[in-house]
């Protein structure tokens, strides 16, 4: 989240935000699987894949 007038060193970068979100999603996925909530696990897995595809984006040199 950006704050107007806030120095960039205080704001998290978009890449860091994605990294932290991915970590939270993976933790939630682990909990959903442990609770045998496979429908939620499937949704979380799809969200993690979607987040990863943003990271891979065009222009990755492949």
C-alpha atoms as a PDB file:
ATOM      1  CA  UNK A   1       0.000   0.000   0.000  1.00  0.00           C
ATOM      2  CA  UNK A   2       1.406   3.363  -0.934  1.00  0.00           C
ATOM      3  CA  UNK A   3       1.091   6.418   1.224  1.00  0.00           C
ATOM      4  CA  UNK A   4       1.179   9.853  -0.345  1.00  0.00           C
ATOM      5  CA  UNK A   5       4.216  11.784   0.788  1.00  0.00           C
ATOM      6  CA  UNK A   6       5.765   8.741   2.435  1.00  0.00           C
ATOM      7  CA  UNK A   7       9.412   8.010   1.548  1.00  0.00           C
ATOM      8  CA  UNK A   8       9.865   4.959  -0.658  1.00  0.00           C
ATOM      9  CA  UNK A   9      12.047   3.247   1.947  1.00  0.00           C
ATOM     10  CA  UNK A  10       8.958   3.035   4.188  1.00  0.00           C
ATOM     11  CA  UNK A  11       6.651   1.676   1.487  1.00  0.00           C
ATOM     12  CA  UNK A  12       6.775  -1.995   0.556  1.00  0.00           C
ATOM     13  CA  UNK A  13       7.680  -2.713  -3.060  1.00  0.00           C
ATOM     14  CA  UNK A  14       5.136  -4.506  -5.263  1.00  0.00           C
ATOM     15  CA  UNK A  15       7.498  -7.487  -5.489  1.00  0.00           C
ATOM     16  CA  UNK A  16       7.732  -7.688  -1.698  1.00  0.00           C
ATOM     17  CA  UNK A  17       3.940  -7.417  -1.414  1.00  0.00           C
ATOM     18  CA  UNK A  18       3.568 -10.359  -3.841  1.00  0.00           C
ATOM     19  CA  UNK A  19       6.158 -12.375  -1.917  1.00  0.00           C
ATOM     20  CA  UNK A  20       4.405 -11.820   1.403  1.00  0.00           C
ATOM     21  CA  UNK A  21       0.992 -12.543  -0.124  1.00  0.00           C
ATOM     22  CA  UNK A  22       2.318 -15.779  -1.604  1.00  0.00           C
ATOM     23  CA  UNK A  23       3.680 -16.838   1.776  1.00  0.00           C
ATOM     24  CA  UNK A  24       0.336 -16.135   3.463  1.00  0.00           C
ATOM     25  CA  UNK A  25      -1.542 -18.032   0.756  1.00  0.00           C
ATOM     26  CA  UNK A  26       0.769 -21.059   1.052  1.00  0.00           C
ATOM     27  CA  UNK A  27       0.284 -21.082   4.817  1.00  0.00           C
ATOM     28  CA  UNK A  28      -3.495 -20.934   4.364  1.00  0.00           C
ATOM     29  CA  UNK A  29      -3.245 -23.738   1.787  1.00  0.00           C
ATOM     30  CA  UNK A  30      -1.355 -25.928   4.266  1.00  0.00           C
ATOM     31  CA  UNK A  31      -4.020 -25.291   6.895  1.00  0.00           C
ATOM     32  CA  UNK A  32      -6.852 -26.030   4.459  1.00  0.00           C
ATOM     33  CA  UNK A  33      -5.275 -29.341   3.432  1.00  0.00           C
ATOM     34  CA  UNK A  34      -4.654 -30.284   7.074  1.00  0.00           C
ATOM     35  CA  UNK A  35      -8.324 -29.566   7.797  1.00  0.00           C
ATOM     36  CA  UNK A  36      -9.306 -31.601   4.715  1.00  0.00           C
ATOM     37  CA  UNK A  37     -11.053 -28.550   3.244  1.00  0.00           C
ATOM     38  CA  UNK A  38     -10.140 -29.465  -0.312  1.00  0.00           C
ATOM     39  CA  UNK A  39     -12.520 -26.983  -1.941  1.00  0.00           C
ATOM     40  CA  UNK A  40     -10.777 -24.086  -0.161  1.00  0.00           C
ATOM     41  CA  UNK A  41      -7.394 -25.656  -0.888  1.00  0.00           C
ATOM     42  CA  UNK A  42      -8.256 -25.732  -4.585  1.00  0.00           C
ATOM     43  CA  UNK A  43      -9.219 -22.049  -4.559  1.00  0.00           C
ATOM     44  CA  UNK A  44      -6.032 -21.124  -2.715  1.00  0.00           C
ATOM     45  CA  UNK A  45      -3.924 -23.179  -5.139  1.00  0.00           C
ATOM     46  CA  UNK A  46      -5.502 -21.341  -8.074  1.00  0.00           C
ATOM     47  CA  UNK A  47      -4.822 -17.995  -6.400  1.00  0.00           C
ATOM     48  CA  UNK A  48      -1.176 -18.961  -5.803  1.00  0.00           C
ATOM     49  CA  UNK A  49      -0.822 -19.960  -9.468  1.00  0.00           C
ATOM     50  CA  UNK A  50      -2.378 -16.661 -10.537  1.00  0.00           C
ATOM     51  CA  UNK A  51       0.015 -14.734  -8.318  1.00  0.00           C
ATOM     52  CA  UNK A  52       2.965 -16.687  -9.718  1.00  0.00           C
ATOM     53  CA  UNK A  53       1.902 -15.949 -13.302  1.00  0.00           C
ATOM     54  CA  UNK A  54       2.033 -12.215 -12.503  1.00  0.00           C
ATOM     55  CA  UNK A  55       5.640 -12.679 -11.346  1.00  0.00           C
ATOM     56  CA  UNK A  56       6.568 -14.552 -14.537  1.00  0.00           C
ATOM     57  CA  UNK A  57       4.944 -11.936 -16.787  1.00  0.00           C
ATOM     58  CA  UNK A  58       5.989 -11.140 -20.363  1.00  0.00           C
ATOM     59  CA  UNK A  59       9.568 -10.278 -21.135  1.00  0.00           C
ATOM     60  CA  UNK A  60      11.154 -12.918 -18.952  1.00  0.00           C
ATOM     61  CA  UNK A  61      13.587 -13.793 -21.727  1.00  0.00           C
ATOM     62  CA  UNK A  62      12.270 -17.287 -22.433  1.00  0.00           C
END
